[in-house]
């Protein structure tokens, strides 16, 4: 008898943090939908006399933020890109070791990006950079990105912990 799908998932994925990460990713989906609507308006608007100034700026910031909202979800649910062709005949322990290595890389990646993006936010605020047309402060985009990176860091720690338990 095979295990139920929910039994193979890490406990944190099923808990409050997992739900938070899922809602965060769904917020990223909503943001992408808004970006699409902005782009439709930017194309159709001039034909009906309602141009949209600054569409490129909002698209750039919106897509950047949305991409980062998906990272914790992909890590926590194991939906990152994998090369299953190489592990198709591998044992459960080998796959767990490789997954743990991937979680470790994600952990290091999240820590490095969190560190550097924090200083990026401070620089953007200090120099008061803003978009050219709409004058939206650039640092605003850093805030949800940093939240995403913190969530990615926690997800990577938990998936690493879960995979190391599988190795034993």
C-alpha atoms as a PDB file:
ATOM      1  CA  UNK A   1       0.000   0.000   0.000  1.00  0.00           C
ATOM      2  CA  UNK A   2       1.454   3.388  -0.953  1.00  0.00           C
ATOM      3  CA  UNK A   3       1.652   6.393   1.346  1.00  0.00           C
ATOM      4  CA  UNK A   4      -0.924   9.110   1.036  1.00  0.00           C
ATOM      5  CA  UNK A   5       0.484  12.207  -0.724  1.00  0.00           C
ATOM      6  CA  UNK A   6       0.175  14.287   2.453  1.00  0.00           C
ATOM      7  CA  UNK A   7       2.297  11.798   4.438  1.00  0.00           C
ATOM      8  CA  UNK A   8       5.344  12.314   2.212  1.00  0.00           C
ATOM      9  CA  UNK A   9       5.338  16.069   2.711  1.00  0.00           C
ATOM     10  CA  UNK A  10       7.382  17.773   5.401  1.00  0.00           C
ATOM     11  CA  UNK A  11       5.301  18.681   8.485  1.00  0.00           C
ATOM     12  CA  UNK A  12       6.083  22.384   8.035  1.00  0.00           C
ATOM     13  CA  UNK A  13       4.629  22.257   4.530  1.00  0.00           C
ATOM     14  CA  UNK A  14       1.292  21.154   5.984  1.00  0.00           C
ATOM     15  CA  UNK A  15       1.363  23.651   8.876  1.00  0.00           C
ATOM     16  CA  UNK A  16       0.818  27.369   9.309  1.00  0.00           C
ATOM     17  CA  UNK A  17       4.102  28.279   7.617  1.00  0.00           C
ATOM     18  CA  UNK A  18       3.160  26.160   4.599  1.00  0.00           C
ATOM     19  CA  UNK A  19      -0.176  27.949   4.333  1.00  0.00           C
ATOM     20  CA  UNK A  20       1.568  31.337   4.665  1.00  0.00           C
ATOM     21  CA  UNK A  21       4.019  30.421   1.904  1.00  0.00           C
ATOM     22  CA  UNK A  22       1.129  29.262  -0.310  1.00  0.00           C
ATOM     23  CA  UNK A  23      -0.779  32.502   0.223  1.00  0.00           C
ATOM     24  CA  UNK A  24       2.394  34.504  -0.424  1.00  0.00           C
ATOM     25  CA  UNK A  25       2.843  32.718  -3.756  1.00  0.00           C
ATOM     26  CA  UNK A  26      -0.813  33.322  -4.606  1.00  0.00           C
ATOM     27  CA  UNK A  27      -0.270  37.023  -3.865  1.00  0.00           C
ATOM     28  CA  UNK A  28       2.585  36.864  -6.392  1.00  0.00           C
ATOM     29  CA  UNK A  29       0.133  35.367  -8.906  1.00  0.00           C
ATOM     30  CA  UNK A  30      -2.257  38.236  -8.229  1.00  0.00           C
ATOM     31  CA  UNK A  31       0.571  40.711  -8.730  1.00  0.00           C
ATOM     32  CA  UNK A  32       1.406  39.124 -12.088  1.00  0.00           C
ATOM     33  CA  UNK A  33      -2.263  39.385 -13.077  1.00  0.00           C
ATOM     34  CA  UNK A  34      -2.148  43.115 -12.266  1.00  0.00           C
ATOM     35  CA  UNK A  35       1.035  43.456 -14.349  1.00  0.00           C
ATOM     36  CA  UNK A  36      -0.742  41.783 -17.269  1.00  0.00           C
ATOM     37  CA  UNK A  37      -3.689  44.182 -16.920  1.00  0.00           C
ATOM     38  CA  UNK A  38      -1.301  47.146 -16.834  1.00  0.00           C
ATOM     39  CA  UNK A  39       0.301  45.915 -20.045  1.00  0.00           C
ATOM     40  CA  UNK A  40      -3.068  45.424 -21.720  1.00  0.00           C
ATOM     41  CA  UNK A  41      -4.020  48.951 -20.695  1.00  0.00           C
ATOM     42  CA  UNK A  42      -0.676  50.261 -22.016  1.00  0.00           C
ATOM     43  CA  UNK A  43      -1.380  48.684 -25.419  1.00  0.00           C
ATOM     44  CA  UNK A  44      -5.101  49.403 -25.713  1.00  0.00           C
ATOM     45  CA  UNK A  45      -5.223  52.669 -23.749  1.00  0.00           C
ATOM     46  CA  UNK A  46      -3.701  54.966 -26.383  1.00  0.00           C
ATOM     47  CA  UNK A  47      -6.297  53.789 -28.941  1.00  0.00           C
ATOM     48  CA  UNK A  48      -9.147  54.921 -26.703  1.00  0.00           C
ATOM     49  CA  UNK A  49      -7.447  58.063 -25.391  1.00  0.00           C
ATOM     50  CA  UNK A  50      -6.340  56.660 -22.013  1.00  0.00           C
ATOM     51  CA  UNK A  51      -2.586  56.122 -22.165  1.00  0.00           C
ATOM     52  CA  UNK A  52      -0.797  54.556 -19.204  1.00  0.00           C
ATOM     53  CA  UNK A  53       2.400  56.365 -18.237  1.00  0.00           C
ATOM     54  CA  UNK A  54       4.997  54.334 -16.375  1.00  0.00           C
ATOM     55  CA  UNK A  55       3.779  50.896 -17.407  1.00  0.00           C
ATOM     56  CA  UNK A  56       7.335  49.695 -17.996  1.00  0.00           C
ATOM     57  CA  UNK A  57       8.389  50.778 -14.501  1.00  0.00           C
ATOM     58  CA  UNK A  58       5.514  48.971 -12.817  1.00  0.00           C
ATOM     59  CA  UNK A  59       6.044  45.883 -14.970  1.00  0.00           C
ATOM     60  CA  UNK A  60       9.717  45.758 -14.060  1.00  0.00           C
ATOM     61  CA  UNK A  61       9.087  46.085 -10.326  1.00  0.00           C
ATOM     62  CA  UNK A  62       6.009  43.852 -10.308  1.00  0.00           C
ATOM     63  CA  UNK A  63       7.640  40.943 -12.120  1.00  0.00           C
ATOM     64  CA  UNK A  64      10.735  41.140  -9.906  1.00  0.00           C
ATOM     65  CA  UNK A  65       8.630  40.997  -6.751  1.00  0.00           C
ATOM     66  CA  UNK A  66       6.386  38.228  -8.115  1.00  0.00           C
ATOM     67  CA  UNK A  67       9.318  35.991  -9.029  1.00  0.00           C
ATOM     68  CA  UNK A  68      10.664  36.200  -5.486  1.00  0.00           C
ATOM     69  CA  UNK A  69       7.241  35.336  -4.005  1.00  0.00           C
ATOM     70  CA  UNK A  70       7.379  31.976  -5.789  1.00  0.00           C
ATOM     71  CA  UNK A  71      10.796  30.903  -4.460  1.00  0.00           C
ATOM     72  CA  UNK A  72       9.706  29.852  -0.938  1.00  0.00           C
ATOM     73  CA  UNK A  73       6.765  27.881  -2.351  1.00  0.00           C
ATOM     74  CA  UNK A  74       8.960  26.060  -4.850  1.00  0.00           C
ATOM     75  CA  UNK A  75      11.454  25.190  -2.130  1.00  0.00           C
ATOM     76  CA  UNK A  76       8.921  24.079   0.444  1.00  0.00           C
ATOM     77  CA  UNK A  77       6.889  21.929  -1.940  1.00  0.00           C
ATOM     78  CA  UNK A  78       9.860  20.488  -3.830  1.00  0.00           C
ATOM     79  CA  UNK A  79       8.759  22.050  -7.088  1.00  0.00           C
ATOM     80  CA  UNK A  80      12.158  23.333  -8.151  1.00  0.00           C
ATOM     81  CA  UNK A  81      13.537  22.226 -11.490  1.00  0.00           C
ATOM     82  CA  UNK A  82      15.127  18.796 -11.236  1.00  0.00           C
ATOM     83  CA  UNK A  83      16.808  16.413 -13.648  1.00  0.00           C
ATOM     84  CA  UNK A  84      14.814  13.292 -12.823  1.00  0.00           C
ATOM     85  CA  UNK A  85      16.356  11.421 -15.721  1.00  0.00           C
ATOM     86  CA  UNK A  86      19.559  11.091 -13.687  1.00  0.00           C
ATOM     87  CA  UNK A  87      17.793   9.806 -10.567  1.00  0.00           C
ATOM     88  CA  UNK A  88      15.109   7.640 -12.171  1.00  0.00           C
ATOM     89  CA  UNK A  89      16.792   4.420 -10.979  1.00  0.00           C
ATOM     90  CA  UNK A  90      18.362   5.848  -7.816  1.00  0.00           C
ATOM     91  CA  UNK A  91      17.413   4.600  -4.387  1.00  0.00           C
ATOM     92  CA  UNK A  92      15.406   6.564  -1.867  1.00  0.00           C
ATOM     93  CA  UNK A  93      18.509   7.366   0.204  1.00  0.00           C
ATOM     94  CA  UNK A  94      20.429   8.695  -2.828  1.00  0.00           C
ATOM     95  CA  UNK A  95      17.522  10.917  -3.785  1.00  0.00           C
ATOM     96  CA  UNK A  96      17.285  12.160  -0.179  1.00  0.00           C
ATOM     97  CA  UNK A  97      21.027  13.004  -0.170  1.00  0.00           C
ATOM     98  CA  UNK A  98      20.693  14.895  -3.460  1.00  0.00           C
ATOM     99  CA  UNK A  99      17.588  16.699  -2.188  1.00  0.00           C
ATOM    100  CA  UNK A 100      19.429  17.635   1.003  1.00  0.00           C
ATOM    101  CA  UNK A 101      22.290  19.016  -1.103  1.00  0.00           C
ATOM    102  CA  UNK A 102      19.767  21.053  -3.093  1.00  0.00           C
ATOM    103  CA  UNK A 103      18.221  22.375   0.122  1.00  0.00           C
ATOM    104  CA  UNK A 104      21.679  23.343   1.373  1.00  0.00           C
ATOM    105  CA  UNK A 105      22.341  25.251  -1.862  1.00  0.00           C
ATOM    106  CA  UNK A 106      18.953  26.986  -1.504  1.00  0.00           C
ATOM    107  CA  UNK A 107      19.819  27.876   2.089  1.00  0.00           C
ATOM    108  CA  UNK A 108      23.155  29.390   1.097  1.00  0.00           C
ATOM    109  CA  UNK A 109      21.548  31.170  -1.872  1.00  0.00           C
ATOM    110  CA  UNK A 110      18.812  32.636   0.358  1.00  0.00           C
ATOM    111  CA  UNK A 111      21.303  33.772   3.009  1.00  0.00           C
ATOM    112  CA  UNK A 112      23.585  35.422   0.457  1.00  0.00           C
ATOM    113  CA  UNK A 113      20.744  37.181  -1.341  1.00  0.00           C
ATOM    114  CA  UNK A 114      19.122  38.269   1.914  1.00  0.00           C
ATOM    115  CA  UNK A 115      22.397  39.795   3.079  1.00  0.00           C
ATOM    116  CA  UNK A 116      23.083  41.642  -0.194  1.00  0.00           C
ATOM    117  CA  UNK A 117      19.475  42.702  -0.842  1.00  0.00           C
ATOM    118  CA  UNK A 118      19.290  44.191   2.655  1.00  0.00           C
ATOM    119  CA  UNK A 119      22.227  46.436   1.813  1.00  0.00           C
ATOM    120  CA  UNK A 120      20.648  47.142  -1.571  1.00  0.00           C
ATOM    121  CA  UNK A 121      17.498  48.372   0.191  1.00  0.00           C
ATOM    122  CA  UNK A 122      19.563  50.590   2.473  1.00  0.00           C
ATOM    123  CA  UNK A 123      21.427  52.061  -0.518  1.00  0.00           C
ATOM    124  CA  UNK A 124      18.218  52.678  -2.463  1.00  0.00           C
ATOM    125  CA  UNK A 125      16.737  54.486   0.541  1.00  0.00           C
ATOM    126  CA  UNK A 126      19.907  56.478   1.266  1.00  0.00           C
ATOM    127  CA  UNK A 127      20.224  57.717  -2.309  1.00  0.00           C
ATOM    128  CA  UNK A 128      16.461  58.199  -2.639  1.00  0.00           C
ATOM    129  CA  UNK A 129      16.269  56.458  -6.022  1.00  0.00           C
ATOM    130  CA  UNK A 130      12.864  56.488  -7.693  1.00  0.00           C
ATOM    131  CA  UNK A 131      11.431  55.453 -11.033  1.00  0.00           C
ATOM    132  CA  UNK A 132      11.719  58.106 -13.727  1.00  0.00           C
ATOM    133  CA  UNK A 133       8.098  58.613 -14.732  1.00  0.00           C
ATOM    134  CA  UNK A 134       5.996  57.687 -11.700  1.00  0.00           C
ATOM    135  CA  UNK A 135       8.622  58.586  -9.072  1.00  0.00           C
ATOM    136  CA  UNK A 136       7.919  55.359  -7.141  1.00  0.00           C
ATOM    137  CA  UNK A 137      10.744  54.786  -4.634  1.00  0.00           C
ATOM    138  CA  UNK A 138      12.780  51.780  -5.802  1.00  0.00           C
ATOM    139  CA  UNK A 139      13.265  50.547  -2.238  1.00  0.00           C
ATOM    140  CA  UNK A 140       9.560  49.701  -2.002  1.00  0.00           C
ATOM    141  CA  UNK A 141      10.161  46.654  -4.203  1.00  0.00           C
ATOM    142  CA  UNK A 142      12.900  45.450  -1.863  1.00  0.00           C
ATOM    143  CA  UNK A 143      10.562  45.012   1.108  1.00  0.00           C
ATOM    144  CA  UNK A 144       8.454  42.108  -0.270  1.00  0.00           C
ATOM    145  CA  UNK A 145      11.587  40.639  -1.851  1.00  0.00           C
ATOM    146  CA  UNK A 146      13.294  40.562   1.561  1.00  0.00           C
ATOM    147  CA  UNK A 147      10.193  38.960   3.082  1.00  0.00           C
ATOM    148  CA  UNK A 148      10.334  36.320   0.341  1.00  0.00           C
ATOM    149  CA  UNK A 149      14.007  35.670   1.034  1.00  0.00           C
ATOM    150  CA  UNK A 150      13.378  35.234   4.760  1.00  0.00           C
ATOM    151  CA  UNK A 151      10.611  32.764   3.908  1.00  0.00           C
ATOM    152  CA  UNK A 152      12.951  30.993   1.458  1.00  0.00           C
ATOM    153  CA  UNK A 153      15.607  30.753   4.166  1.00  0.00           C
ATOM    154  CA  UNK A 154      13.151  29.185   6.621  1.00  0.00           C
ATOM    155  CA  UNK A 155      11.803  26.845   3.919  1.00  0.00           C
ATOM    156  CA  UNK A 156      15.327  25.766   2.989  1.00  0.00           C
ATOM    157  CA  UNK A 157      16.228  25.062   6.619  1.00  0.00           C
ATOM    158  CA  UNK A 158      13.095  22.998   7.085  1.00  0.00           C
ATOM    159  CA  UNK A 159      13.452  21.065   3.844  1.00  0.00           C
ATOM    160  CA  UNK A 160      17.116  20.402   4.667  1.00  0.00           C
ATOM    161  CA  UNK A 161      16.116  19.149   8.113  1.00  0.00           C
ATOM    162  CA  UNK A 162      13.419  16.946   6.583  1.00  0.00           C
ATOM    163  CA  UNK A 163      15.753  15.511   3.926  1.00  0.00           C
ATOM    164  CA  UNK A 164      18.509  14.813   6.458  1.00  0.00           C
ATOM    165  CA  UNK A 165      15.955  12.872   8.531  1.00  0.00           C
ATOM    166  CA  UNK A 166      15.142  10.864   5.379  1.00  0.00           C
ATOM    167  CA  UNK A 167      18.844  10.065   4.864  1.00  0.00           C
ATOM    168  CA  UNK A 168      19.100   8.458   8.328  1.00  0.00           C
END
